[in-house]
Amino acid sequence: MNGSQALPVFAAAVAGAALVLQGELLAGISRANGLLGAVLTNTLVGVVVLAVLVAFTAPTLPMLIVQNFRWWHVVPGLLGTFFVYATVLAYARLGPVAAASLIIAAQLVAACVADFAGLASVSHALSLTRLAGAALVMTGALLALPR
């Protein structure tokens, strides 16, 4: 790992750990407010935090977003909302180990497809070693499912 990779590697590791905490907390909120209530709470908190950040650091950003808006810009938001919904559902019903394992395995399969098809913004060739690693993660996800 070189110096330019240290920050993104650290950020990804912290984000991965934060997702477990987020999933468990949202599962708790869903027990009190339902699945949609947990997703809405998550989304509203995110919108408020971003609004405050934008107001203080980039007040012209909303106009730039409106000026450059394309129809497909809604897709990441839809996918993100689905991700939070599915994560809360999985954590609440399967538990953190199975939920995290399945999410990571599915992300890895999709990433392999994106790499293989040249769809990734930073693509790397698939190798036997990388495919074996993906297969091991997928096997681990299956083993982590509750019996």
C-alpha atoms as a PDB file:
ATOM      1  CA  MET A   1       0.000   0.000   0.000  1.00  0.00           C
ATOM      2  CA  ASN A   2       1.411   3.373  -0.956  1.00  0.00           C
ATOM      3  CA  GLY A   3       0.846   6.710   0.797  1.00  0.00           C
ATOM      4  CA  SER A   4      -1.980   7.815  -1.486  1.00  0.00           C
ATOM      5  CA  GLN A   5      -3.937   4.670  -0.582  1.00  0.00           C
ATOM      6  CA  ALA A   6      -3.730   5.074   3.195  1.00  0.00           C
ATOM      7  CA  LEU A   7      -6.618   7.530   3.598  1.00  0.00           C
ATOM      8  CA  PRO A   8      -9.101   5.708   1.344  1.00  0.00           C
ATOM      9  CA  VAL A   9      -8.193   2.347   2.942  1.00  0.00           C
ATOM     10  CA  PHE A  10      -8.699   3.805   6.414  1.00  0.00           C
ATOM     11  CA  ALA A  11     -11.952   5.513   5.377  1.00  0.00           C
ATOM     12  CA  ALA A  12     -13.304   2.288   3.856  1.00  0.00           C
ATOM     13  CA  ALA A  13     -12.425   0.310   6.991  1.00  0.00           C
ATOM     14  CA  VAL A  14     -14.105   2.867   9.278  1.00  0.00           C
ATOM     15  CA  ALA A  15     -17.141   3.018   6.967  1.00  0.00           C
ATOM     16  CA  GLY A  16     -17.433  -0.766   7.055  1.00  0.00           C
ATOM     17  CA  ALA A  17     -17.394  -0.783  10.852  1.00  0.00           C
ATOM     18  CA  ALA A  18     -19.846   2.143  10.954  1.00  0.00           C
ATOM     19  CA  LEU A  19     -22.278   0.229   8.726  1.00  0.00           C
ATOM     20  CA  VAL A  20     -22.536  -2.512  11.360  1.00  0.00           C
ATOM     21  CA  LEU A  21     -23.341   0.028  14.062  1.00  0.00           C
ATOM     22  CA  GLN A  22     -25.777   1.846  11.752  1.00  0.00           C
ATOM     23  CA  GLY A  23     -27.516  -1.408  10.846  1.00  0.00           C
ATOM     24  CA  GLU A  24     -27.966  -2.418  14.473  1.00  0.00           C
ATOM     25  CA  LEU A  25     -29.212   1.030  15.518  1.00  0.00           C
ATOM     26  CA  LEU A  26     -31.647   1.196  12.599  1.00  0.00           C
ATOM     27  CA  ALA A  27     -32.892  -2.312  13.411  1.00  0.00           C
ATOM     28  CA  GLY A  28     -33.657  -1.008  16.923  1.00  0.00           C
ATOM     29  CA  ILE A  29     -35.451   2.034  15.506  1.00  0.00           C
ATOM     30  CA  SER A  30     -37.431  -0.262  13.188  1.00  0.00           C
ATOM     31  CA  ARG A  31     -38.700  -2.259  16.182  1.00  0.00           C
ATOM     32  CA  ALA A  32     -40.183   0.945  17.604  1.00  0.00           C
ATOM     33  CA  ASN A  33     -41.171   2.809  14.421  1.00  0.00           C
ATOM     34  CA  GLY A  34     -41.327   0.143  11.708  1.00  0.00           C
ATOM     35  CA  LEU A  35     -39.005  -0.443   8.794  1.00  0.00           C
ATOM     36  CA  LEU A  36     -40.049   2.652   6.859  1.00  0.00           C
ATOM     37  CA  GLY A  37     -39.795   4.745  10.028  1.00  0.00           C
ATOM     38  CA  ALA A  38     -36.177   3.670  10.470  1.00  0.00           C
ATOM     39  CA  VAL A  39     -35.328   4.419   6.833  1.00  0.00           C
ATOM     40  CA  LEU A  40     -37.065   7.807   7.022  1.00  0.00           C
ATOM     41  CA  THR A  41     -35.247   8.686  10.260  1.00  0.00           C
ATOM     42  CA  ASN A  42     -31.920   7.789   8.645  1.00  0.00           C
ATOM     43  CA  THR A  43     -32.704   9.854   5.558  1.00  0.00           C
ATOM     44  CA  LEU A  44     -33.957  12.904   7.467  1.00  0.00           C
ATOM     45  CA  VAL A  45     -30.887  12.983   9.703  1.00  0.00           C
ATOM     46  CA  GLY A  46     -28.654  12.731   6.623  1.00  0.00           C
ATOM     47  CA  VAL A  47     -30.510  15.558   4.860  1.00  0.00           C
ATOM     48  CA  VAL A  48     -30.255  17.844   7.907  1.00  0.00           C
ATOM     49  CA  VAL A  49     -26.523  17.142   8.364  1.00  0.00           C
ATOM     50  CA  LEU A  50     -25.845  17.765   4.667  1.00  0.00           C
ATOM     51  CA  ALA A  51     -27.947  20.959   4.662  1.00  0.00           C
ATOM     52  CA  VAL A  52     -25.934  22.363   7.560  1.00  0.00           C
ATOM     53  CA  LEU A  53     -22.616  21.368   5.939  1.00  0.00           C
ATOM     54  CA  VAL A  54     -23.625  22.930   2.618  1.00  0.00           C
ATOM     55  CA  ALA A  55     -24.894  26.112   4.279  1.00  0.00           C
ATOM     56  CA  PHE A  56     -21.541  26.678   5.974  1.00  0.00           C
ATOM     57  CA  THR A  57     -19.087  25.311   3.396  1.00  0.00           C
ATOM     58  CA  ALA A  58     -20.650  25.486  -0.083  1.00  0.00           C
ATOM     59  CA  PRO A  59     -23.685  27.793  -0.160  1.00  0.00           C
ATOM     60  CA  THR A  60     -23.735  27.920  -3.985  1.00  0.00           C
ATOM     61  CA  LEU A  61     -23.802  24.122  -4.345  1.00  0.00           C
ATOM     62  CA  PRO A  62     -27.617  23.781  -4.514  1.00  0.00           C
ATOM     63  CA  MET A  63     -27.756  26.097  -7.555  1.00  0.00           C
ATOM     64  CA  LEU A  64     -24.936  24.173  -9.221  1.00  0.00           C
ATOM     65  CA  ILE A  65     -26.807  20.911  -8.632  1.00  0.00           C
ATOM     66  CA  VAL A  66     -29.981  22.346 -10.166  1.00  0.00           C
ATOM     67  CA  GLN A  67     -28.071  23.690 -13.169  1.00  0.00           C
ATOM     68  CA  ASN A  68     -26.322  20.381 -13.866  1.00  0.00           C
ATOM     69  CA  PHE A  69     -29.198  18.057 -12.973  1.00  0.00           C
ATOM     70  CA  ARG A  70     -29.884  15.117 -15.292  1.00  0.00           C
ATOM     71  CA  TRP A  71     -32.715  12.599 -14.970  1.00  0.00           C
ATOM     72  CA  TRP A  72     -30.339   9.780 -14.049  1.00  0.00           C
ATOM     73  CA  HIS A  73     -29.040  11.708 -11.019  1.00  0.00           C
ATOM     74  CA  VAL A  74     -32.011  10.305  -9.067  1.00  0.00           C
ATOM     75  CA  VAL A  75     -30.775   6.717  -9.511  1.00  0.00           C
ATOM     76  CA  PRO A  76     -28.024   6.825  -6.822  1.00  0.00           C
ATOM     77  CA  GLY A  77     -30.539   8.236  -4.340  1.00  0.00           C
ATOM     78  CA  LEU A  78     -33.030   5.496  -5.166  1.00  0.00           C
ATOM     79  CA  LEU A  79     -30.316   2.858  -4.831  1.00  0.00           C
ATOM     80  CA  GLY A  80     -29.124   4.370  -1.549  1.00  0.00           C
ATOM     81  CA  THR A  81     -32.649   4.377  -0.136  1.00  0.00           C
ATOM     82  CA  PHE A  82     -33.104   0.755  -1.196  1.00  0.00           C
ATOM     83  CA  PHE A  83     -29.737  -0.125   0.360  1.00  0.00           C
ATOM     84  CA  VAL A  84     -30.729   1.369   3.715  1.00  0.00           C
ATOM     85  CA  TYR A  85     -34.147  -0.345   3.572  1.00  0.00           C
ATOM     86  CA  ALA A  86     -32.641  -3.742   2.696  1.00  0.00           C
ATOM     87  CA  THR A  87     -29.902  -3.337   5.320  1.00  0.00           C
ATOM     88  CA  VAL A  88     -32.397  -2.591   8.094  1.00  0.00           C
ATOM     89  CA  LEU A  89     -34.537  -5.538   6.999  1.00  0.00           C
ATOM     90  CA  ALA A  90     -31.536  -7.907   6.922  1.00  0.00           C
ATOM     91  CA  TYR A  91     -30.090  -6.738  10.260  1.00  0.00           C
ATOM     92  CA  ALA A  92     -33.486  -6.964  11.972  1.00  0.00           C
ATOM     93  CA  ARG A  93     -34.287 -10.446  10.643  1.00  0.00           C
ATOM     94  CA  LEU A  94     -30.906 -12.148  10.094  1.00  0.00           C
ATOM     95  CA  GLY A  95     -28.615 -10.411  12.588  1.00  0.00           C
ATOM     96  CA  PRO A  96     -25.422  -8.454  11.976  1.00  0.00           C
ATOM     97  CA  VAL A  97     -23.071 -11.281  10.928  1.00  0.00           C
ATOM     98  CA  ALA A  98     -25.362 -12.758   8.268  1.00  0.00           C
ATOM     99  CA  ALA A  99     -26.552  -9.348   7.046  1.00  0.00           C
ATOM    100  CA  ALA A 100     -23.063  -7.871   6.733  1.00  0.00           C
ATOM    101  CA  SER A 101     -21.702 -11.046   5.130  1.00  0.00           C
ATOM    102  CA  LEU A 102     -24.432 -11.139   2.487  1.00  0.00           C
ATOM    103  CA  ILE A 103     -24.137  -7.418   1.731  1.00  0.00           C
ATOM    104  CA  ILE A 104     -20.360  -7.651   1.354  1.00  0.00           C
ATOM    105  CA  ALA A 105     -20.563 -10.813  -0.781  1.00  0.00           C
ATOM    106  CA  ALA A 106     -23.148  -9.233  -3.097  1.00  0.00           C
ATOM    107  CA  GLN A 107     -21.052  -6.074  -3.393  1.00  0.00           C
ATOM    108  CA  LEU A 108     -18.024  -8.183  -4.255  1.00  0.00           C
ATOM    109  CA  VAL A 109     -19.886 -10.122  -6.966  1.00  0.00           C
ATOM    110  CA  ALA A 110     -21.208  -6.866  -8.460  1.00  0.00           C
ATOM    111  CA  ALA A 111     -17.722  -5.331  -8.289  1.00  0.00           C
ATOM    112  CA  CYS A 112     -16.223  -8.346 -10.093  1.00  0.00           C
ATOM    113  CA  VAL A 113     -18.837  -7.996 -12.835  1.00  0.00           C
ATOM    114  CA  ALA A 114     -18.155  -4.244 -13.089  1.00  0.00           C
ATOM    115  CA  ASP A 115     -14.401  -4.868 -13.320  1.00  0.00           C
ATOM    116  CA  PHE A 116     -14.818  -7.670 -15.869  1.00  0.00           C
ATOM    117  CA  ALA A 117     -17.200  -5.603 -18.019  1.00  0.00           C
ATOM    118  CA  GLY A 118     -15.036  -2.468 -17.763  1.00  0.00           C
ATOM    119  CA  LEU A 119     -17.828  -0.525 -16.046  1.00  0.00           C
ATOM    120  CA  ALA A 120     -15.863   0.521 -12.966  1.00  0.00           C
ATOM    121  CA  SER A 121     -14.406   4.028 -12.752  1.00  0.00           C
ATOM    122  CA  VAL A 122     -11.092   2.444 -11.740  1.00  0.00           C
ATOM    123  CA  SER A 123     -10.957  -1.040 -13.245  1.00  0.00           C
ATOM    124  CA  HIS A 124      -8.493  -3.795 -12.512  1.00  0.00           C
ATOM    125  CA  ALA A 125      -8.252  -7.011 -14.455  1.00  0.00           C
ATOM    126  CA  LEU A 126      -9.827 -10.039 -12.878  1.00  0.00           C
ATOM    127  CA  SER A 127      -7.329 -12.696 -11.906  1.00  0.00           C
ATOM    128  CA  LEU A 128      -7.629 -16.173 -10.479  1.00  0.00           C
ATOM    129  CA  THR A 129      -6.469 -14.825  -7.131  1.00  0.00           C
ATOM    130  CA  ARG A 130      -9.151 -12.112  -7.070  1.00  0.00           C
ATOM    131  CA  LEU A 131     -11.863 -14.567  -8.137  1.00  0.00           C
ATOM    132  CA  ALA A 132     -10.730 -17.045  -5.454  1.00  0.00           C
ATOM    133  CA  GLY A 133     -10.942 -14.287  -2.854  1.00  0.00           C
ATOM    134  CA  ALA A 134     -14.453 -13.424  -4.009  1.00  0.00           C
ATOM    135  CA  ALA A 135     -15.460 -17.091  -3.861  1.00  0.00           C
ATOM    136  CA  LEU A 136     -14.129 -17.351  -0.297  1.00  0.00           C
ATOM    137  CA  VAL A 137     -16.129 -14.283   0.787  1.00  0.00           C
ATOM    138  CA  MET A 138     -19.273 -15.696  -0.858  1.00  0.00           C
ATOM    139  CA  THR A 139     -18.714 -19.042   0.887  1.00  0.00           C
ATOM    140  CA  GLY A 140     -18.278 -17.248   4.193  1.00  0.00           C
ATOM    141  CA  ALA A 141     -21.533 -15.346   3.635  1.00  0.00           C
ATOM    142  CA  LEU A 142     -23.392 -18.594   3.054  1.00  0.00           C
ATOM    143  CA  LEU A 143     -21.844 -20.155   6.160  1.00  0.00           C
ATOM    144  CA  ALA A 144     -22.863 -17.082   8.217  1.00  0.00           C
ATOM    145  CA  LEU A 145     -26.574 -17.500   7.456  1.00  0.00           C
ATOM    146  CA  PRO A 146     -28.619 -18.471  10.490  1.00  0.00           C
ATOM    147  CA  ARG A 147     -29.661 -22.108  10.514  1.00  0.00           C
END
